[in-house]
Amino acid sequence: MTVANGKSVEMLHPLHTAAVPKPELLCIFGTGDLGRSLGLRLLQSGYEVVYGSRRPHSCGPLPLGAQVMSHAAAARSASLIFICVHREHYEFMETMAPQLEGKVLVDLSNNLKKNVYPEANAAYLQRLVPKAAVVKGLNTLSAWALQNGLLAGKQVYLCGNSAEAKRAVAEMATKLGLTVLDRGSLSAAGELEDFPLQLFPEWRLPLRVAVGLTTFFFFYLLIRVVIYAYVEQGKDISYQIMVSLANKVFPIVSLIMLSLCYLPGVIAAFFQLYRGTKYKRFPDWLDRWMLCRKQMGLIALGFAFLHVILTFIIPIRYAFRQNLIPRVVDEIKNNKTTPFYFDNTEAWGTDSFYVLGILGFFLFVLLGLTSLPSVGGTLSWREFSFIQSKLGHLTLCICTAHGYIYGWNKFLRPSTYNWYTPPGYMLCLIVPSVVLVLKLLLLLPCVDRTLTRIRQGWERTPPREEMDKINATGL
């Protein structure tokens, strides 16, 4: 405190006099759902937001704290502008070329279908406003995700011809909690605009396999069970289609698809052993197969759940209860009791069948849980590998044994082969049995040792450069 002219004057600390930095002002063209949601998120992240609208005074409710003005006035007030309007309405920006000169335009637009226009929306925008820096990005964000703040760690893509403009957009996106991936120049805009139009791309092959297997085994069992009983025995058991027949199809498809999760890994190992190196690419079909193993496993788990549910409801079905009534009535009329015959072998087989089924399903569920990102992210690489590989093969082994025990005393019975066709459970054991046998071959010490060396970088034949050097020296 000092005294000036007989009055005390309090000295302010330099920190007190420092001006508080003004929040950066960002502009949004478009007051629809996406524009309002993006503005709300930007305001929550500490930015100031101004909207550019054709009807500034009647554009509907906007986030609290945002300003709204004409497109031209809004463009003059900010250097970074988000374009949240459809491509059909881009023409007005061509007339605003002077106001948009030197501005960074972030194009968030998407189309309803692929290949609707001859060029990407962002390329069209750049042609309309050639002196602006157009950046394609954030178009994979939905209004719902922006409103609910579900952005932490979410990946977004950017592309543009100006590195400086992309850097400005990337800094803004990082403050929103997004992870930014640079996809290069604006020529990649078409690829980015196709991303939101993809419909489960990694699920297509597994779903096709599941539908194909389900269709084949359904009609196969329909012919050898229902139609066979009607033609050969004169019995109408069509009621079995809904539950009993379905309960035969679901476990078959589940076991085959589980084995298909581990078959590509075995095939890849034999490719590496044959080539003597890990540096050669696998065939495209094998690469594609390996990339969708997780989806195949989850679909297989879904079929296993259906099998368990149908197994539980079988005893309460009408047909099952009706089959018990004649037996009870017959025993009452004849005053007799059906004796209980204890077969130790049959009892062991039945109990083993149920125990292996329960244990296999438990491990199957464990595999499904660890494949979730929220669970798998908490595991170390060794823990995840142990569960998905070693425990996965154990699950396949147990489920296969469950199938073998189901038919252990039926394989050699002539009555098992209706119209000389094998039962469905015999056919479904082929693929998992092949996978397990091949896996056992890979576990042989001599094979495992060589495969481990190859995966650590050893090559059976030296690289071409070394061969050329050896030939040149004559050694």
Protein backbone atom coordinates (compact mmCIF):
# COMPACT_ATOMS: atom_id res chain seq x y z
CA MET A 1 0.00 0.00 0.00
CA THR A 2 1.34 3.46 -0.86
CA VAL A 3 0.21 6.98 -0.04
CA ALA A 4 -0.50 9.48 -2.79
CA ASN A 5 -1.88 12.97 -2.14
CA GLY A 6 -2.67 11.96 1.43
CA LYS A 7 -4.71 9.00 0.32
CA SER A 8 -3.83 5.35 0.53
CA VAL A 9 -3.68 3.54 -2.76
CA GLU A 10 -3.61 -0.30 -2.88
CA MET A 11 -1.10 -1.69 -5.40
CA LEU A 12 -2.49 -4.52 -7.54
CA HIS A 13 -0.47 -7.69 -8.11
CA PRO A 14 0.61 -8.10 -11.75
CA LEU A 15 -1.43 -11.33 -11.97
CA HIS A 16 -4.54 -9.39 -11.04
CA THR A 17 -4.04 -6.96 -13.89
CA ALA A 18 -3.36 -9.64 -16.53
CA ALA A 19 -6.17 -9.78 -19.04
CA VAL A 20 -8.15 -13.02 -19.18
CA PRO A 21 -7.67 -14.53 -22.66
CA LYS A 22 -10.74 -14.23 -24.78
CA PRO A 23 -12.18 -17.55 -26.00
CA GLU A 24 -11.63 -18.31 -29.66
CA LEU A 25 -14.63 -17.60 -31.87
CA LEU A 26 -15.76 -20.34 -34.24
CA CYS A 27 -18.45 -20.12 -36.91
CA ILE A 28 -21.03 -22.71 -37.95
CA PHE A 29 -23.02 -22.54 -41.17
CA GLY A 30 -26.24 -24.43 -40.58
CA THR A 31 -28.69 -24.51 -37.67
CA GLY A 32 -29.99 -28.06 -38.06
CA ASP A 33 -29.52 -30.92 -35.60
CA LEU A 34 -25.82 -31.41 -36.41
CA GLY A 35 -25.04 -27.68 -36.30
CA ARG A 36 -26.83 -27.16 -32.98
CA SER A 37 -25.20 -30.25 -31.41
CA LEU A 38 -21.73 -29.22 -32.61
CA GLY A 39 -22.25 -25.69 -31.30
CA LEU A 40 -23.30 -27.01 -27.90
CA ARG A 41 -20.19 -29.17 -27.68
CA LEU A 42 -17.92 -26.29 -28.73
CA LEU A 43 -19.46 -24.01 -26.11
CA GLN A 44 -18.91 -26.68 -23.45
CA SER A 45 -15.27 -26.89 -24.54
CA GLY A 46 -14.68 -23.16 -23.96
CA TYR A 47 -15.16 -21.73 -27.44
CA GLU A 48 -17.42 -18.91 -28.53
CA VAL A 49 -19.83 -19.85 -31.29
CA VAL A 50 -21.54 -17.78 -33.93
CA TYR A 51 -24.07 -19.25 -36.36
CA GLY A 52 -24.53 -18.17 -39.95
CA SER A 53 -28.11 -18.59 -41.12
CA ARG A 54 -30.34 -17.62 -44.04
CA ARG A 55 -32.98 -16.58 -41.49
CA PRO A 56 -31.11 -15.25 -38.45
CA HIS A 57 -34.30 -14.16 -36.70
CA SER A 58 -36.33 -17.35 -37.22
CA CYS A 59 -33.89 -20.24 -37.18
CA GLY A 60 -35.25 -21.93 -34.07
CA PRO A 61 -33.70 -22.46 -30.61
CA LEU A 62 -29.90 -22.48 -30.47
CA PRO A 63 -27.50 -23.41 -27.64
CA LEU A 64 -27.41 -20.89 -24.82
CA GLY A 65 -24.58 -18.41 -25.31
CA ALA A 66 -24.33 -18.73 -29.10
CA GLN A 67 -24.84 -15.80 -31.46
CA VAL A 68 -26.63 -15.91 -34.80
CA MET A 69 -26.29 -13.58 -37.77
CA SER A 70 -26.24 -13.68 -41.54
CA HIS A 71 -23.79 -15.92 -43.38
CA ALA A 72 -21.65 -12.99 -44.53
CA ALA A 73 -21.46 -11.34 -41.09
CA ALA A 74 -20.70 -14.66 -39.38
CA ALA A 75 -17.97 -15.48 -41.91
CA ARG A 76 -16.24 -12.15 -41.30
CA SER A 77 -16.14 -12.72 -37.54
CA ALA A 78 -14.29 -16.09 -37.50
CA SER A 79 -11.37 -17.71 -39.30
CA LEU A 80 -12.59 -21.31 -38.90
CA ILE A 81 -16.02 -22.17 -40.26
CA PHE A 82 -17.88 -25.48 -39.96
CA ILE A 83 -20.10 -26.28 -42.95
CA CYS A 84 -23.12 -28.18 -41.58
CA VAL A 85 -25.38 -27.85 -44.61
CA HIS A 86 -26.20 -30.28 -47.40
CA ARG A 87 -24.30 -30.21 -50.66
CA GLU A 88 -27.47 -29.08 -52.48
CA HIS A 89 -27.23 -25.72 -50.67
CA TYR A 90 -23.53 -24.99 -51.30
CA GLU A 91 -24.22 -22.50 -54.11
CA PHE A 92 -24.68 -19.55 -51.74
CA MET A 93 -21.03 -19.84 -50.69
CA GLU A 94 -19.87 -19.17 -54.25
CA THR A 95 -21.34 -15.67 -53.96
CA MET A 96 -19.53 -15.26 -50.64
CA ALA A 97 -16.09 -16.03 -52.06
CA PRO A 98 -14.62 -12.62 -51.00
CA GLN A 99 -15.76 -13.07 -47.37
CA LEU A 100 -14.46 -16.69 -47.29
CA GLU A 101 -11.05 -15.92 -48.77
CA GLY A 102 -8.30 -17.24 -46.49
CA LYS A 103 -10.82 -18.95 -44.17
CA VAL A 104 -10.64 -22.59 -43.08
CA LEU A 105 -13.83 -24.41 -44.11
CA VAL A 106 -14.48 -27.72 -42.37
CA ASP A 107 -16.87 -29.79 -44.50
CA LEU A 108 -18.97 -32.15 -42.33
CA SER A 109 -21.44 -33.15 -45.04
CA ASN A 110 -22.38 -36.70 -46.05
CA ASN A 111 -24.50 -38.14 -48.83
CA LEU A 112 -27.39 -40.58 -48.60
CA LYS A 113 -25.80 -43.00 -51.08
CA LYS A 114 -22.42 -43.67 -52.63
CA ASN A 115 -21.49 -42.32 -56.05
CA VAL A 116 -24.38 -39.85 -56.16
CA TYR A 117 -22.12 -37.08 -57.45
CA PRO A 118 -19.13 -37.23 -59.78
CA GLU A 119 -16.86 -35.57 -57.20
CA ALA A 120 -16.63 -35.46 -53.41
CA ASN A 121 -18.56 -32.78 -51.56
CA ALA A 122 -15.36 -31.26 -50.19
CA ALA A 123 -13.78 -31.12 -53.65
CA TYR A 124 -16.93 -29.42 -54.98
CA LEU A 125 -16.78 -26.90 -52.13
CA GLN A 126 -13.11 -26.19 -52.84
CA ARG A 127 -13.99 -25.53 -56.48
CA LEU A 128 -16.72 -23.09 -55.44
CA VAL A 129 -14.43 -21.22 -53.03
CA PRO A 130 -10.93 -21.71 -54.48
CA LYS A 131 -9.21 -19.19 -52.17
CA ALA A 132 -10.44 -20.88 -48.97
CA ALA A 133 -8.70 -23.84 -47.28
CA VAL A 134 -11.22 -26.70 -47.31
CA VAL A 135 -10.72 -29.52 -44.80
CA LYS A 136 -12.87 -32.64 -44.90
CA GLY A 137 -13.43 -34.06 -41.44
CA LEU A 138 -15.63 -34.76 -38.43
CA ASN A 139 -18.26 -36.18 -40.80
CA THR A 140 -18.33 -39.47 -38.87
CA LEU A 141 -19.74 -37.69 -35.80
CA SER A 142 -23.48 -37.89 -35.25
CA ALA A 143 -25.66 -35.27 -33.62
CA TRP A 144 -26.58 -37.80 -30.94
CA ALA A 145 -22.92 -38.46 -30.02
CA LEU A 146 -22.21 -34.72 -29.86
CA GLN A 147 -25.23 -34.02 -27.65
CA ASN A 148 -24.39 -36.79 -25.19
CA GLY A 149 -20.67 -36.09 -25.07
CA LEU A 150 -19.70 -39.57 -26.33
CA LEU A 151 -16.49 -38.32 -27.94
CA ALA A 152 -13.68 -39.41 -25.61
CA GLY A 153 -11.11 -41.29 -27.67
CA LYS A 154 -13.35 -41.47 -30.73
CA GLN A 155 -11.38 -41.46 -33.98
CA VAL A 156 -12.09 -38.84 -36.63
CA TYR A 157 -10.42 -38.39 -39.98
CA LEU A 158 -9.15 -35.23 -41.67
CA CYS A 159 -7.94 -34.53 -45.17
CA GLY A 160 -7.07 -31.32 -46.95
CA ASN A 161 -4.48 -29.63 -49.15
CA SER A 162 -3.37 -27.15 -46.48
CA ALA A 163 -1.25 -28.58 -43.66
CA GLU A 164 -1.77 -25.41 -41.63
CA ALA A 165 -5.56 -25.63 -41.94
CA LYS A 166 -5.55 -29.30 -40.94
CA ARG A 167 -3.40 -28.47 -37.92
CA ALA A 168 -5.90 -25.84 -36.76
CA VAL A 169 -8.81 -28.27 -37.12
CA ALA A 170 -6.85 -31.05 -35.39
CA GLU A 171 -6.12 -28.81 -32.38
CA MET A 172 -9.79 -27.96 -32.07
CA ALA A 173 -10.82 -31.63 -32.38
CA THR A 174 -8.30 -32.67 -29.72
CA LYS A 175 -9.83 -30.18 -27.29
CA LEU A 176 -13.18 -31.90 -27.88
CA GLY A 177 -11.61 -35.19 -26.76
CA LEU A 178 -11.30 -36.69 -30.23
CA THR A 179 -8.43 -38.70 -31.69
CA VAL A 180 -7.44 -37.27 -35.08
CA LEU A 181 -6.06 -39.27 -38.00
CA ASP A 182 -4.69 -37.42 -41.03
CA ARG A 183 -5.66 -39.09 -44.32
CA GLY A 184 -3.64 -36.79 -46.57
CA SER A 185 -4.80 -34.44 -49.29
CA LEU A 186 -8.33 -33.49 -50.30
CA SER A 187 -8.32 -36.27 -52.89
CA ALA A 188 -9.17 -38.64 -49.98
CA ALA A 189 -12.42 -36.77 -49.27
CA GLY A 190 -14.50 -39.27 -51.23
CA GLU A 191 -13.19 -42.11 -49.09
CA LEU A 192 -14.00 -40.19 -45.90
CA GLU A 193 -17.50 -39.43 -47.13
CA ASP A 194 -18.09 -43.15 -47.77
CA PHE A 195 -17.21 -44.13 -44.17
CA PRO A 196 -20.61 -43.23 -42.64
CA LEU A 197 -22.38 -45.11 -45.45
CA GLN A 198 -20.74 -48.43 -44.62
CA LEU A 199 -23.10 -50.96 -43.08
CA PHE A 200 -21.22 -53.40 -40.81
CA PRO A 201 -18.36 -53.97 -43.28
CA GLU A 202 -16.48 -56.34 -40.96
CA TRP A 203 -19.64 -58.36 -40.27
CA ARG A 204 -20.59 -59.11 -43.87
CA LEU A 205 -18.45 -62.21 -44.37
CA PRO A 206 -19.29 -63.75 -40.94
CA LEU A 207 -23.00 -63.08 -41.47
CA ARG A 208 -22.91 -64.64 -44.93
CA VAL A 209 -21.15 -67.71 -43.54
CA ALA A 210 -23.68 -67.96 -40.69
CA VAL A 211 -26.67 -67.60 -43.02
CA GLY A 212 -25.20 -70.12 -45.45
CA LEU A 213 -24.49 -72.71 -42.76
CA THR A 214 -27.87 -72.19 -41.11
CA THR A 215 -29.73 -72.57 -44.41
CA PHE A 216 -27.80 -75.67 -45.46
CA PHE A 217 -28.16 -77.55 -42.17
CA PHE A 218 -31.80 -76.53 -41.72
CA PHE A 219 -32.85 -78.02 -45.05
CA TYR A 220 -30.47 -80.96 -44.64
CA LEU A 221 -32.02 -81.90 -41.27
CA LEU A 222 -35.50 -81.10 -42.52
CA ILE A 223 -35.07 -83.73 -45.25
CA ARG A 224 -33.41 -86.44 -43.16
CA VAL A 225 -35.60 -86.01 -40.06
CA VAL A 226 -39.04 -84.57 -40.85
CA ILE A 227 -39.50 -85.58 -44.48
CA TYR A 228 -37.89 -88.98 -43.87
CA ALA A 229 -40.31 -89.72 -41.01
CA TYR A 230 -43.28 -88.76 -43.18
CA VAL A 231 -42.19 -90.75 -46.26
CA GLU A 232 -40.75 -93.86 -44.63
CA GLN A 233 -42.78 -94.11 -41.42
CA GLY A 234 -45.95 -92.15 -42.19
CA LYS A 235 -45.42 -89.85 -39.20
CA ASP A 236 -46.12 -86.13 -39.24
CA ILE A 237 -43.51 -84.60 -36.94
CA SER A 238 -43.47 -81.19 -38.61
CA TYR A 239 -44.06 -79.60 -35.19
CA GLN A 240 -40.38 -80.31 -34.44
CA ILE A 241 -39.28 -77.67 -36.94
CA MET A 242 -39.76 -74.78 -34.50
CA VAL A 243 -37.80 -76.09 -31.50
CA SER A 244 -36.28 -79.53 -31.90
CA LEU A 245 -34.95 -79.01 -35.40
CA ALA A 246 -33.75 -75.50 -34.57
CA ASN A 247 -32.00 -76.87 -31.50
CA LYS A 248 -30.03 -79.18 -33.76
CA VAL A 249 -29.08 -76.45 -36.23
CA PHE A 250 -27.93 -73.80 -33.73
CA PRO A 251 -25.21 -75.85 -31.97
CA ILE A 252 -23.95 -77.16 -35.31
CA VAL A 253 -23.52 -73.66 -36.73
CA SER A 254 -22.04 -72.42 -33.44
CA LEU A 255 -19.36 -75.13 -33.32
CA ILE A 256 -18.40 -74.74 -36.99
CA MET A 257 -18.10 -70.95 -36.71
CA LEU A 258 -16.04 -71.26 -33.53
CA SER A 259 -13.64 -73.56 -35.36
CA LEU A 260 -13.54 -71.09 -38.28
CA CYS A 261 -12.19 -68.50 -35.83
CA TYR A 262 -9.04 -70.60 -35.28
CA LEU A 263 -8.63 -72.25 -38.67
CA PRO A 264 -7.12 -69.15 -40.41
CA GLY A 265 -4.44 -68.86 -37.70
CA VAL A 266 -3.45 -72.47 -38.31
CA ILE A 267 -3.40 -71.95 -42.09
CA ALA A 268 -1.26 -68.82 -41.63
CA ALA A 269 1.22 -70.79 -39.52
CA PHE A 270 1.59 -73.44 -42.24
CA PHE A 271 2.08 -70.68 -44.84
CA GLN A 272 4.96 -69.30 -42.75
CA LEU A 273 6.48 -72.76 -42.31
CA TYR A 274 6.26 -73.45 -46.04
CA ARG A 275 7.75 -70.08 -47.04
CA GLY A 276 10.31 -70.02 -44.25
CA THR A 277 9.65 -66.34 -43.53
CA LYS A 278 7.10 -64.04 -41.95
CA TYR A 279 7.79 -61.13 -44.31
CA LYS A 280 5.65 -62.32 -47.21
CA ARG A 281 2.03 -61.25 -47.28
CA PHE A 282 -0.73 -63.78 -46.88
CA PRO A 283 -3.27 -64.18 -49.69
CA ASP A 284 -6.04 -61.57 -49.67
CA TRP A 285 -8.70 -64.14 -48.80
CA LEU A 286 -6.73 -65.21 -45.73
CA ASP A 287 -6.13 -61.60 -44.64
CA ARG A 288 -9.83 -60.85 -44.93
CA TRP A 289 -10.69 -64.03 -43.03
CA MET A 290 -8.30 -63.23 -40.18
CA LEU A 291 -9.66 -59.70 -39.82
CA CYS A 292 -13.22 -60.91 -39.15
CA ARG A 293 -12.45 -63.67 -36.63
CA LYS A 294 -13.82 -61.62 -33.74
CA GLN A 295 -17.15 -61.16 -35.50
CA MET A 296 -17.33 -64.88 -36.31
CA GLY A 297 -16.72 -65.72 -32.67
CA LEU A 298 -19.45 -63.36 -31.46
CA ILE A 299 -21.97 -64.79 -33.94
CA ALA A 300 -21.00 -68.30 -32.82
CA LEU A 301 -21.60 -67.23 -29.21
CA GLY A 302 -25.05 -65.94 -30.18
CA PHE A 303 -25.96 -69.32 -31.70
CA ALA A 304 -24.68 -71.03 -28.55
CA PHE A 305 -26.99 -68.85 -26.44
CA LEU A 306 -29.94 -69.87 -28.62
CA HIS A 307 -28.99 -73.53 -28.17
CA VAL A 308 -28.90 -73.16 -24.38
CA ILE A 309 -32.27 -71.37 -24.26
CA LEU A 310 -33.99 -73.94 -26.49
CA THR A 311 -32.51 -76.79 -24.44
CA PHE A 312 -34.07 -75.34 -21.29
CA ILE A 313 -37.55 -74.98 -22.80
CA ILE A 314 -37.72 -78.46 -24.35
CA PRO A 315 -39.15 -80.14 -21.17
CA ILE A 316 -42.07 -77.65 -21.00
CA ARG A 317 -43.16 -78.11 -24.61
CA TYR A 318 -46.60 -79.48 -25.39
CA ALA A 319 -45.27 -82.40 -27.43
CA PHE A 320 -42.89 -83.47 -24.68
CA ARG A 321 -45.61 -83.47 -22.04
CA GLN A 322 -48.04 -85.29 -24.31
CA ASN A 323 -45.54 -88.11 -24.82
CA LEU A 324 -45.41 -88.66 -21.06
CA ILE A 325 -49.19 -88.91 -20.58
CA PRO A 326 -49.70 -92.23 -22.46
CA ARG A 327 -46.94 -93.85 -20.42
CA VAL A 328 -48.52 -92.78 -17.13
CA VAL A 329 -52.02 -93.89 -18.24
CA ASP A 330 -50.67 -97.26 -19.40
CA GLU A 331 -48.97 -97.89 -16.07
CA ILE A 332 -52.15 -96.99 -14.15
CA LYS A 333 -54.38 -99.26 -16.29
CA ASN A 334 -52.04 -102.24 -16.08
CA ASN A 335 -51.08 -101.58 -12.48
CA LYS A 336 -47.39 -101.79 -13.27
CA THR A 337 -44.31 -99.66 -12.87
CA THR A 338 -41.60 -99.32 -15.46
CA PRO A 339 -38.44 -100.64 -13.81
CA PHE A 340 -35.42 -98.40 -13.57
CA TYR A 341 -32.45 -99.93 -15.30
CA PHE A 342 -29.14 -98.44 -14.23
CA ASP A 343 -26.52 -98.43 -16.96
CA ASN A 344 -23.25 -97.13 -15.56
CA THR A 345 -21.81 -96.45 -19.02
CA GLU A 346 -24.89 -94.57 -20.17
CA ALA A 347 -24.91 -92.55 -16.95
CA TRP A 348 -21.25 -91.61 -17.41
CA GLY A 349 -21.89 -90.61 -21.02
CA THR A 350 -24.92 -88.48 -20.15
CA ASP A 351 -23.25 -86.70 -17.25
CA SER A 352 -20.08 -86.10 -19.26
CA PHE A 353 -22.16 -84.72 -22.13
CA TYR A 354 -23.88 -82.17 -19.89
CA VAL A 355 -20.75 -81.20 -17.94
CA LEU A 356 -18.72 -80.61 -21.10
CA GLY A 357 -21.58 -78.59 -22.57
CA ILE A 358 -21.83 -76.37 -19.49
CA LEU A 359 -18.06 -75.92 -19.21
CA GLY A 360 -17.70 -75.20 -22.92
CA PHE A 361 -20.45 -72.60 -22.81
CA PHE A 362 -18.88 -70.95 -19.76
CA LEU A 363 -15.51 -70.64 -21.51
CA PHE A 364 -17.29 -69.47 -24.67
CA VAL A 365 -18.91 -66.62 -22.73
CA LEU A 366 -15.53 -65.74 -21.21
CA LEU A 367 -14.03 -65.46 -24.68
CA GLY A 368 -16.89 -63.21 -25.75
CA LEU A 369 -16.46 -60.91 -22.76
CA THR A 370 -12.72 -60.47 -23.27
CA SER A 371 -13.32 -59.52 -26.91
CA LEU A 372 -15.17 -56.39 -25.74
CA PRO A 373 -12.90 -53.31 -25.92
CA SER A 374 -13.85 -52.23 -22.40
CA VAL A 375 -12.69 -55.59 -21.00
CA GLY A 376 -9.85 -56.39 -23.38
CA GLY A 377 -8.34 -52.94 -22.79
CA THR A 378 -7.72 -53.82 -19.13
CA LEU A 379 -5.69 -56.92 -20.03
CA SER A 380 -2.02 -57.06 -20.87
CA TRP A 381 -0.98 -58.45 -24.25
CA ARG A 382 0.06 -61.75 -22.65
CA GLU A 383 -3.22 -62.07 -20.75
CA PHE A 384 -5.31 -61.31 -23.84
CA SER A 385 -3.28 -63.73 -25.96
CA PHE A 386 -3.60 -66.46 -23.34
CA ILE A 387 -7.40 -66.14 -23.19
CA GLN A 388 -8.06 -65.76 -26.90
CA SER A 389 -5.55 -68.37 -28.07
CA LYS A 390 -4.87 -71.04 -25.47
CA LEU A 391 -8.21 -70.79 -23.68
CA GLY A 392 -9.93 -70.46 -27.06
CA HIS A 393 -8.45 -73.71 -28.34
CA LEU A 394 -9.40 -75.37 -25.05
CA THR A 395 -12.98 -74.14 -25.54
CA LEU A 396 -13.00 -75.58 -29.07
CA CYS A 397 -11.64 -78.88 -27.76
CA ILE A 398 -14.29 -79.13 -25.02
CA CYS A 399 -17.16 -78.21 -27.36
CA THR A 400 -15.93 -80.76 -29.90
CA ALA A 401 -15.74 -83.43 -27.21
CA HIS A 402 -19.31 -82.43 -26.24
CA GLY A 403 -20.38 -83.27 -29.80
CA TYR A 404 -18.46 -86.56 -29.90
CA ILE A 405 -20.00 -87.77 -26.64
CA TYR A 406 -23.46 -86.89 -27.97
CA GLY A 407 -23.01 -89.46 -30.73
CA TRP A 408 -20.51 -91.83 -29.14
CA ASN A 409 -22.77 -94.91 -29.38
CA LYS A 410 -24.53 -93.92 -32.61
CA PHE A 411 -21.73 -93.71 -35.16
CA LEU A 412 -21.85 -97.42 -36.07
CA ARG A 413 -25.63 -97.92 -35.95
CA PRO A 414 -27.18 -98.39 -39.41
CA SER A 415 -30.40 -96.75 -38.16
CA THR A 416 -28.45 -93.52 -37.64
CA TYR A 417 -28.01 -92.98 -41.38
CA ASN A 418 -31.45 -92.06 -42.74
CA TRP A 419 -31.39 -92.45 -46.51
CA TYR A 420 -27.65 -93.19 -46.14
CA THR A 421 -26.98 -89.63 -44.94
CA PRO A 422 -24.96 -88.92 -41.76
CA PRO A 423 -26.54 -86.91 -38.94
CA GLY A 424 -25.82 -83.21 -38.75
CA TYR A 425 -23.67 -83.49 -35.63
CA MET A 426 -21.30 -85.82 -37.50
CA LEU A 427 -20.85 -83.31 -40.30
CA CYS A 428 -20.25 -80.44 -37.88
CA LEU A 429 -17.41 -82.33 -36.17
CA ILE A 430 -15.30 -82.40 -39.35
CA VAL A 431 -14.04 -78.79 -39.31
CA PRO A 432 -13.24 -78.55 -35.56
CA SER A 433 -11.52 -81.95 -35.68
CA VAL A 434 -9.33 -80.79 -38.57
CA VAL A 435 -8.45 -77.58 -36.72
CA LEU A 436 -7.49 -79.45 -33.54
CA VAL A 437 -5.37 -82.01 -35.41
CA LEU A 438 -3.51 -79.27 -37.31
CA LYS A 439 -3.00 -77.35 -34.06
CA LEU A 440 -1.52 -80.47 -32.44
CA LEU A 441 0.91 -80.78 -35.35
CA LEU A 442 2.02 -77.18 -34.80
CA LEU A 443 2.60 -77.93 -31.10
CA LEU A 444 5.15 -80.67 -31.88
CA PRO A 445 8.50 -79.47 -30.46
CA CYS A 446 10.37 -79.53 -33.77
CA VAL A 447 7.57 -77.65 -35.59
CA ASP A 448 6.92 -75.19 -32.77
CA ARG A 449 10.62 -74.37 -32.49
CA THR A 450 10.92 -73.57 -36.19
CA LEU A 451 7.71 -71.54 -36.24
CA THR A 452 8.84 -69.51 -33.22
CA ARG A 453 12.16 -68.68 -34.92
CA ILE A 454 10.35 -67.59 -38.08
CA ARG A 455 8.04 -65.31 -36.11
CA GLN A 456 11.07 -63.77 -34.41
CA GLY A 457 12.52 -62.74 -37.78
CA TRP A 458 14.57 -65.77 -38.89
CA GLU A 459 14.35 -66.70 -42.57
CA ARG A 460 15.11 -70.05 -44.11
CA THR A 461 16.72 -68.45 -47.17
CA PRO A 462 18.76 -65.24 -46.84
CA PRO A 463 17.35 -62.04 -48.37
CA ARG A 464 18.14 -61.27 -52.01
CA GLU A 465 20.65 -58.56 -51.03
CA GLU A 466 22.70 -61.03 -49.02
CA MET A 467 22.52 -63.60 -51.82
CA ASP A 468 23.78 -61.02 -54.31
CA LYS A 469 26.63 -60.12 -51.96
CA ILE A 470 27.55 -63.79 -51.54
CA ASN A 471 27.50 -64.35 -55.29
CA ALA A 472 29.62 -61.22 -55.88
CA THR A 473 32.31 -62.30 -53.43
CA GLY A 474 32.24 -65.87 -54.68
CA LEU A 475 31.88 -67.27 -51.14
